[in-house]
Amino acid sequence: MHNLEPLLIFIRVAEMGSFTRAADSLGIQKGRASTAVRKLEEDVGVRLLHRTTRSVQITEDGRAYHARARDILASVDDLQSMFAKDHVALRGRLRVDLPTELARTTIIPALPEFMAAHPDLELEISSTDRQVDLVQEGFDCVLRIGPIGDETLIARRLGRLRMVNAASPIYIARYGIPQTLEDLQLQTHHTIHYSRTLGAKPYGWEYPDGDGDFATLPLPGALHVNSVQTYEAAGLAGMGLIQAAYYGIRQHLESGALVEVLPDFRPEPLNVSLVVAHRQNLSRRVRAFMGWIEQVLRPYLE
């Protein structure tokens, strides 16, 4: 084998279950990916993938080969960067997934500095609020807020995002500023309900219960939304109280477009983690990006 590209292509096809998606993620033509894997199978003398018109599935021999191939590529990457200094340019493609609002408000504004420091690095950013499949979708790392959900993934917890209670001046002029939890009900306050799935039961107004835990208070609200951006926009429009991450509404708090209320009753902070599929496959560019993300988010973490 004259180079390691066939190994990389095979790994991506096996993990994504598609020549088309694998080729797209690698920036090559589908025919090139198909030819590389077919030649690899000829070289090793076994069929690594089952191909049908609808799917691509890895064989038992392919599974064993896949595990060794990952180890080989990880070792080669470590070997190549073994004596690399900080000034040695990062090269290659990095594919990451970020929460939409965190990307928009915090990470993307800081990104020009990172890209200027690594001009030979090609970065692919997916921005979504669903939990992507790192392996199937070919991500090098993802940033997740809240629970990880998959024990097979490797997570590095960065800290917890500070949450705040807020309302717009328009809302406050109409309903007043609640000073206690009792005020929320006595002053007929209401909230904007957020859920990823419309129609789900409202979660309630979260608050610390005084025993180191958190409880929820039923609070009325006529508006239900399933988007963080819409949730914050509704709060700005004075349609109800909101509970939001500080990083997302910081500029509105600083400008006075939103006002923090009940600062002694903030909701539970959200865990923030960088997640990878394999600890041993952290390339130098992945480690550099993860370190940069941690620095960018540090001011907003507890």
Protein backbone atom coordinates (compact mmCIF):
# COMPACT_ATOMS: atom_id res chain seq x y z
CA MET A 1 0.00 0.00 0.00
CA HIS A 2 1.61 3.24 -1.16
CA ASN A 3 -0.34 5.61 1.10
CA LEU A 4 -2.88 5.66 3.87
CA GLU A 5 -5.72 7.29 1.96
CA PRO A 6 -7.52 3.95 1.24
CA LEU A 7 -7.56 3.24 4.98
CA LEU A 8 -9.08 6.62 5.72
CA ILE A 9 -11.69 6.20 3.00
CA PHE A 10 -12.60 2.70 4.14
CA ILE A 11 -12.98 3.86 7.76
CA ARG A 12 -15.23 6.74 6.76
CA VAL A 13 -17.40 4.54 4.48
CA ALA A 14 -17.69 1.83 7.15
CA GLU A 15 -18.69 4.32 9.83
CA MET A 16 -21.11 6.35 7.71
CA GLY A 17 -22.60 3.38 5.85
CA SER A 18 -22.49 5.23 2.55
CA PHE A 19 -19.94 5.87 -0.18
CA THR A 20 -21.69 9.10 -1.11
CA ARG A 21 -21.73 10.58 2.38
CA ALA A 22 -18.19 9.41 3.08
CA ALA A 23 -16.91 10.96 -0.15
CA ASP A 24 -18.72 14.22 0.60
CA SER A 25 -17.24 14.37 4.10
CA LEU A 26 -13.74 13.81 2.69
CA GLY A 27 -14.17 16.22 -0.21
CA ILE A 28 -13.56 13.61 -2.92
CA GLN A 29 -15.58 12.03 -5.73
CA LYS A 30 -17.72 8.98 -4.95
CA GLY A 31 -15.99 6.99 -7.70
CA ARG A 32 -12.63 7.63 -6.11
CA ALA A 33 -13.90 6.35 -2.77
CA SER A 34 -15.39 3.22 -4.36
CA THR A 35 -12.21 2.47 -6.32
CA ALA A 36 -10.01 2.94 -3.24
CA VAL A 37 -12.05 0.50 -1.13
CA ARG A 38 -12.28 -2.06 -3.94
CA LYS A 39 -8.48 -1.94 -4.39
CA LEU A 40 -8.02 -2.24 -0.63
CA GLU A 41 -10.16 -5.39 -0.60
CA GLU A 42 -8.06 -6.82 -3.42
CA ASP A 43 -4.87 -6.09 -1.47
CA VAL A 44 -6.04 -7.73 1.76
CA GLY A 45 -7.83 -10.59 -0.02
CA VAL A 46 -11.20 -10.37 1.79
CA ARG A 47 -14.48 -8.53 1.36
CA LEU A 48 -14.66 -5.70 3.87
CA LEU A 49 -18.06 -4.28 2.94
CA HIS A 50 -21.38 -5.70 1.75
CA ARG A 51 -22.78 -3.42 -0.96
CA THR A 52 -26.40 -3.26 -2.10
CA THR A 53 -28.27 -0.64 -4.07
CA ARG A 54 -29.68 0.72 -0.80
CA SER A 55 -26.98 0.30 1.82
CA VAL A 56 -23.37 -0.47 2.68
CA GLN A 57 -22.72 -2.78 5.64
CA ILE A 58 -19.43 -3.85 7.14
CA THR A 59 -18.53 -7.58 7.14
CA GLU A 60 -17.13 -9.47 10.12
CA ASP A 61 -13.68 -9.34 8.52
CA GLY A 62 -14.31 -5.66 7.88
CA ARG A 63 -15.03 -5.04 11.56
CA ALA A 64 -11.72 -6.54 12.61
CA TYR A 65 -9.90 -4.64 9.87
CA HIS A 66 -11.69 -1.42 10.81
CA ALA A 67 -10.50 -1.61 14.43
CA ARG A 68 -6.87 -2.15 13.37
CA ALA A 69 -7.10 0.54 10.69
CA ARG A 70 -8.25 3.12 13.23
CA ASP A 71 -5.35 2.22 15.51
CA ILE A 72 -2.90 2.51 12.61
CA LEU A 73 -4.13 5.94 11.53
CA ALA A 74 -4.10 7.18 15.11
CA SER A 75 -0.53 5.92 15.56
CA VAL A 76 0.60 7.53 12.29
CA ASP A 77 -0.98 10.83 13.26
CA ASP A 78 0.73 10.70 16.67
CA LEU A 79 4.03 9.81 15.02
CA GLN A 80 3.83 12.66 12.55
CA SER A 81 3.11 15.18 15.29
CA MET A 82 5.50 13.63 17.81
CA PHE A 83 8.10 16.38 17.45
CA ALA A 84 5.79 19.08 16.17
CA LYS A 85 6.05 22.37 18.00
CA ASP A 86 3.28 24.87 18.55
CA HIS A 87 4.44 26.91 15.58
CA VAL A 88 4.13 23.97 13.14
CA ALA A 89 1.02 24.55 11.01
CA LEU A 90 -2.05 22.40 11.50
CA ARG A 91 -3.27 20.84 8.27
CA GLY A 92 -6.21 18.77 7.15
CA ARG A 93 -9.95 18.82 7.61
CA LEU A 94 -11.74 19.06 10.93
CA ARG A 95 -15.45 18.25 11.18
CA VAL A 96 -17.28 19.43 14.32
CA ASP A 97 -20.84 19.95 15.55
CA LEU A 98 -21.89 22.86 17.78
CA PRO A 99 -25.16 23.86 19.47
CA THR A 100 -26.82 26.49 17.28
CA GLU A 101 -27.12 29.36 19.73
CA LEU A 102 -23.71 28.80 21.30
CA ALA A 103 -22.17 28.79 17.84
CA ARG A 104 -23.97 31.98 16.81
CA THR A 105 -23.37 34.09 19.90
CA THR A 106 -20.02 32.93 21.21
CA ILE A 107 -17.94 30.55 19.09
CA ILE A 108 -18.32 31.92 15.56
CA PRO A 109 -17.52 35.52 16.62
CA ALA A 110 -14.25 34.23 18.10
CA LEU A 111 -13.46 31.90 15.17
CA PRO A 112 -11.51 34.35 12.94
CA GLU A 113 -8.66 34.37 15.45
CA PHE A 114 -8.43 30.57 15.44
CA MET A 115 -8.55 30.35 11.64
CA ALA A 116 -5.94 33.10 11.28
CA ALA A 117 -3.63 31.13 13.57
CA HIS A 118 -4.15 27.96 11.47
CA PRO A 119 -4.62 29.06 7.83
CA ASP A 120 -3.95 25.57 6.44
CA LEU A 121 -6.74 24.01 8.47
CA GLU A 122 -10.09 23.33 6.79
CA LEU A 123 -12.99 23.46 9.22
CA GLU A 124 -16.46 22.00 8.66
CA ILE A 125 -19.01 23.18 11.24
CA SER A 126 -22.42 21.63 11.67
CA SER A 127 -24.73 23.71 13.85
CA THR A 128 -27.76 21.90 15.21
CA ASP A 129 -29.59 21.35 18.47
CA ARG A 130 -30.16 17.62 17.90
CA GLN A 131 -27.71 15.01 19.14
CA VAL A 132 -25.70 13.99 16.10
CA ASP A 133 -24.16 10.54 15.68
CA LEU A 134 -20.40 11.13 15.78
CA VAL A 135 -19.50 7.88 14.06
CA GLN A 136 -22.26 7.62 11.47
CA GLU A 137 -21.98 11.29 10.48
CA GLY A 138 -18.19 11.44 10.54
CA PHE A 139 -17.59 14.10 13.21
CA ASP A 140 -14.18 14.49 14.82
CA CYS A 141 -15.68 16.09 17.92
CA VAL A 142 -18.89 17.72 19.09
CA LEU A 143 -19.77 20.21 21.78
CA ARG A 144 -22.75 19.12 23.84
CA ILE A 145 -24.88 20.92 26.40
CA GLY A 146 -26.64 18.71 28.91
CA PRO A 147 -26.43 14.91 29.26
CA ILE A 148 -24.28 12.89 26.84
CA GLY A 149 -26.67 9.96 26.53
CA ASP A 150 -24.18 7.49 25.01
CA GLU A 151 -21.80 5.75 27.39
CA THR A 152 -19.60 4.54 24.52
CA LEU A 153 -18.51 8.12 23.75
CA ILE A 154 -15.58 9.85 25.41
CA ALA A 155 -16.59 13.13 27.05
CA ARG A 156 -14.42 15.84 28.55
CA ARG A 157 -16.50 18.03 30.78
CA LEU A 158 -15.58 21.70 30.50
CA GLY A 159 -17.85 23.08 33.21
CA ARG A 160 -21.40 24.30 33.61
CA LEU A 161 -23.14 27.15 31.82
CA ARG A 162 -24.60 29.80 34.10
CA MET A 163 -28.34 30.21 33.72
CA VAL A 164 -30.35 33.36 34.52
CA ASN A 165 -33.97 34.43 34.87
CA ALA A 166 -34.88 37.40 32.72
CA ALA A 167 -37.67 39.61 31.47
CA SER A 168 -37.95 42.59 29.15
CA PRO A 169 -38.69 46.14 30.39
CA ILE A 170 -42.03 45.89 28.55
CA TYR A 171 -43.00 42.84 30.60
CA ILE A 172 -41.76 44.39 33.87
CA ALA A 173 -43.75 47.56 33.26
CA ARG A 174 -46.87 45.45 32.91
CA TYR A 175 -46.42 42.86 35.66
CA GLY A 176 -43.70 44.21 37.95
CA ILE A 177 -40.46 42.59 39.13
CA PRO A 178 -40.91 39.40 41.17
CA GLN A 179 -38.81 39.44 44.33
CA THR A 180 -39.74 35.99 45.67
CA LEU A 181 -41.05 32.71 44.32
CA GLU A 182 -44.41 33.56 45.90
CA ASP A 183 -44.53 36.73 43.79
CA LEU A 184 -44.53 34.61 40.65
CA GLN A 185 -48.01 33.44 41.53
CA LEU A 186 -49.35 36.37 43.57
CA GLN A 187 -48.48 38.87 40.83
CA THR A 188 -49.92 36.57 38.13
CA HIS A 189 -46.62 36.22 36.30
CA HIS A 190 -46.34 33.89 33.33
CA THR A 191 -43.53 32.30 31.35
CA ILE A 192 -42.71 31.28 27.82
CA HIS A 193 -42.61 27.50 27.56
CA TYR A 194 -39.70 25.92 25.69
CA SER A 195 -39.50 22.31 24.54
CA ARG A 196 -37.74 20.64 21.64
CA THR A 197 -41.02 18.89 20.87
CA LEU A 198 -44.14 20.99 20.54
CA GLY A 199 -47.04 19.53 22.45
CA ALA A 200 -44.88 18.15 25.23
CA LYS A 201 -45.91 18.87 28.81
CA PRO A 202 -44.42 22.20 30.01
CA TYR A 203 -41.40 21.60 32.21
CA GLY A 204 -42.17 24.40 34.67
CA TRP A 205 -40.19 27.21 36.28
CA GLU A 206 -36.99 25.77 37.77
CA TYR A 207 -35.54 27.03 41.05
CA PRO A 208 -33.15 25.86 43.81
CA ASP A 209 -35.09 24.19 46.62
CA GLY A 210 -32.64 25.17 49.37
CA ASP A 211 -31.37 21.62 49.93
CA GLY A 212 -28.84 21.65 47.12
CA ASP A 213 -31.33 20.35 44.59
CA PHE A 214 -33.70 21.94 42.09
CA ALA A 215 -37.48 21.86 41.83
CA THR A 216 -40.04 23.23 39.40
CA LEU A 217 -42.97 25.55 39.93
CA PRO A 218 -45.96 25.34 37.56
CA LEU A 219 -46.24 28.70 35.87
CA PRO A 220 -48.83 29.59 33.25
CA GLY A 221 -47.91 30.67 29.74
CA ALA A 222 -49.83 30.79 26.50
CA LEU A 223 -46.79 30.61 24.21
CA HIS A 224 -44.92 27.35 23.53
CA VAL A 225 -41.80 27.32 21.30
CA ASN A 226 -39.26 24.71 20.19
CA SER A 227 -36.36 26.99 19.21
CA VAL A 228 -33.87 28.70 21.51
CA GLN A 229 -33.75 31.70 19.18
CA THR A 230 -37.55 32.02 19.18
CA TYR A 231 -37.61 31.60 22.96
CA GLU A 232 -35.22 34.52 23.45
CA ALA A 233 -37.00 36.65 20.84
CA ALA A 234 -40.31 36.11 22.63
CA GLY A 235 -38.69 37.17 25.89
CA LEU A 236 -37.38 40.33 24.25
CA ALA A 237 -40.88 41.04 22.95
CA GLY A 238 -42.24 41.01 26.49
CA MET A 239 -44.34 37.86 26.11
CA GLY A 240 -43.21 36.27 29.36
CA LEU A 241 -40.41 35.43 31.76
CA ILE A 242 -37.58 33.27 30.42
CA GLN A 243 -34.80 31.11 31.88
CA ALA A 244 -31.81 31.22 29.55
CA ALA A 245 -28.07 30.63 29.42
CA TYR A 246 -26.14 33.78 30.28
CA TYR A 247 -23.93 33.52 27.18
CA GLY A 248 -26.95 33.69 24.88
CA ILE A 249 -28.57 36.79 26.33
CA ARG A 250 -25.51 38.60 27.72
CA GLN A 251 -25.67 41.37 25.13
CA HIS A 252 -29.35 41.96 25.87
CA LEU A 253 -28.68 42.15 29.61
CA GLU A 254 -25.84 44.61 29.00
CA SER A 255 -27.96 46.78 26.71
CA GLY A 256 -30.98 46.72 29.00
CA ALA A 257 -33.19 44.94 26.47
CA LEU A 258 -33.54 42.23 29.12
CA VAL A 259 -33.33 42.52 32.90
CA GLU A 260 -32.30 39.73 35.25
CA VAL A 261 -34.93 38.87 37.84
CA LEU A 262 -34.83 36.57 40.87
CA PRO A 263 -31.00 36.33 40.87
CA ASP A 264 -31.11 34.23 44.05
CA PHE A 265 -33.28 31.64 42.32
CA ARG A 266 -31.37 30.87 39.15
CA PRO A 267 -32.08 27.52 37.45
CA GLU A 268 -29.59 24.66 37.51
CA PRO A 269 -26.50 25.28 35.34
CA LEU A 270 -26.12 23.08 32.25
CA ASN A 271 -23.18 20.70 31.81
CA VAL A 272 -20.96 21.46 28.82
CA SER A 273 -18.76 18.72 27.34
CA LEU A 274 -16.52 18.12 24.37
CA VAL A 275 -17.23 14.65 23.02
CA VAL A 276 -15.21 12.36 20.77
CA ALA A 277 -15.81 8.80 19.62
CA HIS A 278 -12.36 7.41 20.42
CA ARG A 279 -9.85 8.72 22.94
CA GLN A 280 -6.90 7.24 21.02
CA ASN A 281 -7.86 8.94 17.77
CA LEU A 282 -7.35 12.54 18.89
CA SER A 283 -5.27 14.15 16.17
CA ARG A 284 -3.20 17.24 16.85
CA ARG A 285 -5.77 19.43 15.08
CA VAL A 286 -8.61 17.97 17.19
CA ARG A 287 -6.67 18.61 20.39
CA ALA A 288 -5.90 22.17 19.27
CA PHE A 289 -9.54 22.91 18.47
CA MET A 290 -10.76 21.41 21.75
CA GLY A 291 -8.26 23.50 23.69
CA TRP A 292 -9.37 26.64 21.86
CA ILE A 293 -13.06 25.94 22.51
CA GLU A 294 -12.33 25.52 26.20
CA GLN A 295 -10.64 28.95 26.32
CA VAL A 296 -13.51 30.63 24.47
CA LEU A 297 -16.14 29.22 26.81
CA ARG A 298 -14.23 29.66 30.08
CA PRO A 299 -15.75 33.10 30.94
CA TYR A 300 -19.26 31.58 30.78
CA LEU A 301 -18.64 28.44 32.78
CA GLU A 302 -18.94 27.71 36.45
